[in-house]
Amino acid sequence: MGCSAAALVVDVIRLQNGYISVGVDALRGGRLSSLQIGEHELLVQQTAHTNPREWGCYPMSPWAGRVRNGAFTHNESSHQLPINA
């Protein structure tokens, strides 16, 4: 699955201090497109050949992973989770 060069145009917000730099891709839901510590890039970068699921990352803040009412169905099987455990 490829993407055109036009798809590589991003609207990145860069946050940085003297040593750490973070790129936030606002056009892709706040995905982190870059995380640099010193000269070291820690995230897989987007290229024309990178699968969209394999570059950058999404921040997993306190609300990530919440399941409404602690219940979900998968493969026709219902599951109840402890709420606020």
N, C-alpha and C. Protein backbone atom coordinates (compact mmCIF):
# COMPACT_ATOMS: atom_id res chain seq x y z
N MET A 1 0.85 -1.17 0.00
CA MET A 1 0.00 0.00 0.00
C MET A 1 0.89 1.23 0.00
N GLY A 2 0.85 1.98 -1.05
CA GLY A 2 1.69 3.16 -1.16
C GLY A 2 0.90 4.43 -1.00
N CYS A 3 1.59 5.54 -1.07
CA CYS A 3 0.91 6.82 -1.05
C CYS A 3 1.66 7.76 -1.97
N SER A 4 0.97 8.74 -2.47
CA SER A 4 1.60 9.67 -3.39
C SER A 4 2.43 10.69 -2.62
N ALA A 5 3.29 11.37 -3.34
CA ALA A 5 4.13 12.39 -2.71
C ALA A 5 3.26 13.48 -2.09
N ALA A 6 2.11 13.78 -2.71
CA ALA A 6 1.23 14.82 -2.17
C ALA A 6 0.71 14.43 -0.80
N ALA A 7 0.54 13.12 -0.55
CA ALA A 7 0.04 12.66 0.74
C ALA A 7 1.07 12.85 1.85
N LEU A 8 2.31 13.12 1.49
CA LEU A 8 3.36 13.28 2.48
C LEU A 8 3.42 14.70 3.06
N VAL A 9 2.64 15.61 2.50
CA VAL A 9 2.60 16.98 3.02
C VAL A 9 1.87 16.95 4.36
N VAL A 10 2.52 17.41 5.41
CA VAL A 10 1.93 17.35 6.74
C VAL A 10 1.92 18.73 7.37
N ASP A 11 1.01 18.90 8.28
CA ASP A 11 0.94 20.12 9.07
C ASP A 11 1.40 19.75 10.47
N VAL A 12 2.69 19.90 10.72
CA VAL A 12 3.30 19.44 11.97
C VAL A 12 3.53 20.61 12.91
N ILE A 13 3.10 20.42 14.14
CA ILE A 13 3.37 21.37 15.21
C ILE A 13 4.59 20.83 15.96
N ARG A 14 5.62 21.63 16.10
CA ARG A 14 6.85 21.18 16.75
C ARG A 14 6.97 21.79 18.13
N LEU A 15 7.16 20.94 19.13
CA LEU A 15 7.39 21.36 20.51
C LEU A 15 8.82 20.96 20.85
N GLN A 16 9.57 21.87 21.41
CA GLN A 16 10.96 21.51 21.72
C GLN A 16 11.52 22.35 22.85
N ASN A 17 12.49 21.73 23.51
CA ASN A 17 13.33 22.48 24.44
C ASN A 17 14.75 22.29 23.93
N GLY A 18 15.74 22.51 24.71
CA GLY A 18 17.10 22.40 24.22
C GLY A 18 17.54 21.01 23.84
N TYR A 19 16.85 19.98 24.30
CA TYR A 19 17.33 18.61 24.11
C TYR A 19 16.30 17.67 23.49
N ILE A 20 15.01 17.93 23.73
CA ILE A 20 13.94 17.06 23.26
C ILE A 20 13.06 17.82 22.28
N SER A 21 12.67 17.13 21.19
CA SER A 21 11.81 17.72 20.18
C SER A 21 10.71 16.73 19.83
N VAL A 22 9.47 17.22 19.76
CA VAL A 22 8.32 16.38 19.43
C VAL A 22 7.57 17.02 18.27
N GLY A 23 7.26 16.24 17.24
CA GLY A 23 6.44 16.70 16.13
C GLY A 23 5.05 16.12 16.27
N VAL A 24 4.01 16.97 16.26
CA VAL A 24 2.62 16.53 16.37
C VAL A 24 1.95 16.81 15.03
N ASP A 25 1.48 15.76 14.36
CA ASP A 25 0.85 15.88 13.05
C ASP A 25 -0.63 16.19 13.24
N ALA A 26 -0.97 17.46 13.17
CA ALA A 26 -2.35 17.91 13.43
C ALA A 26 -3.33 17.39 12.39
N LEU A 27 -2.88 17.14 11.17
CA LEU A 27 -3.78 16.66 10.11
C LEU A 27 -4.11 15.18 10.26
N ARG A 28 -3.40 14.48 11.09
CA ARG A 28 -3.63 13.04 11.27
C ARG A 28 -4.00 12.73 12.72
N GLY A 29 -4.85 13.54 13.28
CA GLY A 29 -5.42 13.25 14.59
C GLY A 29 -4.49 13.43 15.77
N GLY A 30 -3.44 14.22 15.62
CA GLY A 30 -2.52 14.43 16.72
C GLY A 30 -1.47 13.36 16.85
N ARG A 31 -1.26 12.59 15.79
CA ARG A 31 -0.22 11.56 15.79
C ARG A 31 1.14 12.20 16.01
N LEU A 32 1.97 11.58 16.84
CA LEU A 32 3.35 12.04 16.98
C LEU A 32 4.10 11.59 15.74
N SER A 33 4.63 12.52 14.99
CA SER A 33 5.37 12.18 13.78
C SER A 33 6.87 12.14 14.02
N SER A 34 7.29 12.68 15.16
CA SER A 34 8.71 12.70 15.47
C SER A 34 8.89 12.82 16.98
N LEU A 35 9.87 12.10 17.49
CA LEU A 35 10.28 12.23 18.89
C LEU A 35 11.79 12.11 18.90
N GLN A 36 12.46 13.23 19.09
CA GLN A 36 13.92 13.25 19.07
C GLN A 36 14.44 13.60 20.45
N ILE A 37 15.43 12.83 20.87
CA ILE A 37 16.17 13.14 22.08
C ILE A 37 17.61 13.33 21.63
N GLY A 38 18.08 14.55 21.77
CA GLY A 38 19.39 14.87 21.22
C GLY A 38 19.33 14.71 19.70
N GLU A 39 20.24 13.96 19.15
CA GLU A 39 20.28 13.71 17.71
C GLU A 39 19.58 12.42 17.31
N HIS A 40 18.95 11.74 18.26
CA HIS A 40 18.37 10.41 18.00
C HIS A 40 16.86 10.49 17.78
N GLU A 41 16.40 10.11 16.59
CA GLU A 41 14.97 10.00 16.29
C GLU A 41 14.50 8.65 16.82
N LEU A 42 13.45 8.66 17.63
CA LEU A 42 12.97 7.43 18.26
C LEU A 42 11.79 6.79 17.54
N LEU A 43 11.15 7.51 16.63
CA LEU A 43 9.98 6.98 15.94
C LEU A 43 10.28 6.65 14.48
N VAL A 44 9.59 5.65 13.95
CA VAL A 44 9.69 5.34 12.53
C VAL A 44 9.11 6.52 11.76
N GLN A 45 9.83 6.99 10.75
CA GLN A 45 9.40 8.14 9.97
C GLN A 45 8.56 7.72 8.78
N GLN A 46 7.67 8.60 8.35
CA GLN A 46 6.83 8.37 7.19
C GLN A 46 7.64 8.57 5.92
N THR A 47 7.47 7.64 4.97
CA THR A 47 8.04 7.77 3.63
C THR A 47 6.95 7.41 2.63
N ALA A 48 7.25 7.50 1.36
CA ALA A 48 6.29 7.13 0.32
C ALA A 48 5.94 5.64 0.38
N HIS A 49 6.78 4.83 1.03
CA HIS A 49 6.57 3.38 1.07
C HIS A 49 6.17 2.87 2.45
N THR A 50 6.00 3.75 3.42
CA THR A 50 5.67 3.33 4.77
C THR A 50 4.17 3.10 4.90
N ASN A 51 3.81 1.95 5.45
CA ASN A 51 2.41 1.65 5.75
C ASN A 51 1.93 2.68 6.77
N PRO A 52 0.73 3.25 6.60
CA PRO A 52 0.24 4.27 7.54
C PRO A 52 0.20 3.81 8.99
N ARG A 53 0.14 2.51 9.24
CA ARG A 53 0.09 1.99 10.61
C ARG A 53 1.48 1.80 11.21
N GLU A 54 2.52 2.04 10.43
CA GLU A 54 3.87 1.68 10.88
C GLU A 54 4.78 2.87 11.12
N TRP A 55 4.28 4.08 11.11
CA TRP A 55 5.14 5.23 11.40
C TRP A 55 4.53 6.07 12.50
N GLY A 56 5.38 6.78 13.22
CA GLY A 56 4.92 7.65 14.30
C GLY A 56 4.20 6.86 15.38
N CYS A 57 3.40 7.54 16.17
CA CYS A 57 2.59 6.87 17.19
C CYS A 57 1.53 7.84 17.69
N TYR A 58 0.50 7.30 18.32
CA TYR A 58 -0.53 8.12 18.95
C TYR A 58 -0.28 8.12 20.45
N PRO A 59 -0.36 9.28 21.09
CA PRO A 59 -0.17 9.33 22.54
C PRO A 59 -1.25 8.53 23.25
N MET A 60 -0.86 7.73 24.19
CA MET A 60 -1.81 6.93 24.97
C MET A 60 -1.99 7.60 26.32
N SER A 61 -2.74 8.68 26.31
CA SER A 61 -2.99 9.47 27.52
C SER A 61 -4.01 8.78 28.41
N PRO A 62 -4.34 9.34 29.54
CA PRO A 62 -5.23 8.65 30.49
C PRO A 62 -6.55 8.19 29.90
N TRP A 63 -7.04 8.83 28.85
CA TRP A 63 -8.33 8.43 28.30
C TRP A 63 -8.21 7.30 27.30
N ALA A 64 -7.03 6.98 26.82
CA ALA A 64 -6.87 5.89 25.85
C ALA A 64 -7.18 4.56 26.50
N GLY A 65 -7.86 3.72 25.77
CA GLY A 65 -8.18 2.40 26.27
C GLY A 65 -9.45 2.34 27.10
N ARG A 66 -10.13 3.46 27.28
CA ARG A 66 -11.39 3.43 28.02
C ARG A 66 -12.44 2.72 27.19
N VAL A 67 -13.23 1.89 27.83
CA VAL A 67 -14.29 1.14 27.16
C VAL A 67 -15.62 1.59 27.77
N ARG A 68 -16.50 2.08 26.92
CA ARG A 68 -17.79 2.60 27.40
C ARG A 68 -18.54 1.55 28.21
N ASN A 69 -18.90 1.91 29.42
CA ASN A 69 -19.62 1.04 30.36
C ASN A 69 -18.87 -0.26 30.66
N GLY A 70 -17.59 -0.33 30.31
CA GLY A 70 -16.79 -1.52 30.60
C GLY A 70 -17.21 -2.75 29.84
N ALA A 71 -17.95 -2.58 28.74
CA ALA A 71 -18.44 -3.75 28.00
C ALA A 71 -18.20 -3.58 26.51
N PHE A 72 -17.88 -4.70 25.84
CA PHE A 72 -17.74 -4.69 24.39
C PHE A 72 -18.02 -6.08 23.85
N THR A 73 -18.26 -6.15 22.55
CA THR A 73 -18.50 -7.42 21.86
C THR A 73 -17.44 -7.59 20.79
N HIS A 74 -16.85 -8.78 20.73
CA HIS A 74 -15.84 -9.10 19.72
C HIS A 74 -16.09 -10.51 19.24
N ASN A 75 -16.15 -10.69 17.93
CA ASN A 75 -16.43 -12.01 17.33
C ASN A 75 -17.68 -12.64 17.95
N GLU A 76 -18.73 -11.84 18.07
CA GLU A 76 -20.03 -12.29 18.59
C GLU A 76 -19.97 -12.77 20.04
N SER A 77 -18.95 -12.38 20.77
CA SER A 77 -18.83 -12.74 22.18
C SER A 77 -18.79 -11.46 23.01
N SER A 78 -19.65 -11.37 24.02
CA SER A 78 -19.71 -10.18 24.88
C SER A 78 -18.72 -10.31 26.02
N HIS A 79 -18.11 -9.18 26.37
CA HIS A 79 -17.12 -9.14 27.45
C HIS A 79 -17.44 -7.98 28.37
N GLN A 80 -17.41 -8.20 29.68
CA GLN A 80 -17.61 -7.15 30.68
C GLN A 80 -16.30 -6.98 31.44
N LEU A 81 -15.82 -5.75 31.51
CA LEU A 81 -14.59 -5.44 32.22
C LEU A 81 -14.91 -4.74 33.53
N PRO A 82 -14.01 -4.84 34.52
CA PRO A 82 -14.22 -4.06 35.74
C PRO A 82 -14.14 -2.57 35.40
N ILE A 83 -15.07 -1.80 35.91
CA ILE A 83 -15.09 -0.36 35.62
C ILE A 83 -14.18 0.36 36.62
N ASN A 84 -13.30 1.22 36.07
CA ASN A 84 -12.35 2.01 36.86
C ASN A 84 -11.46 1.15 37.75
N ALA A 85 -11.07 0.00 37.23
CA ALA A 85 -10.18 -0.89 37.99
C ALA A 85 -8.75 -0.46 37.85
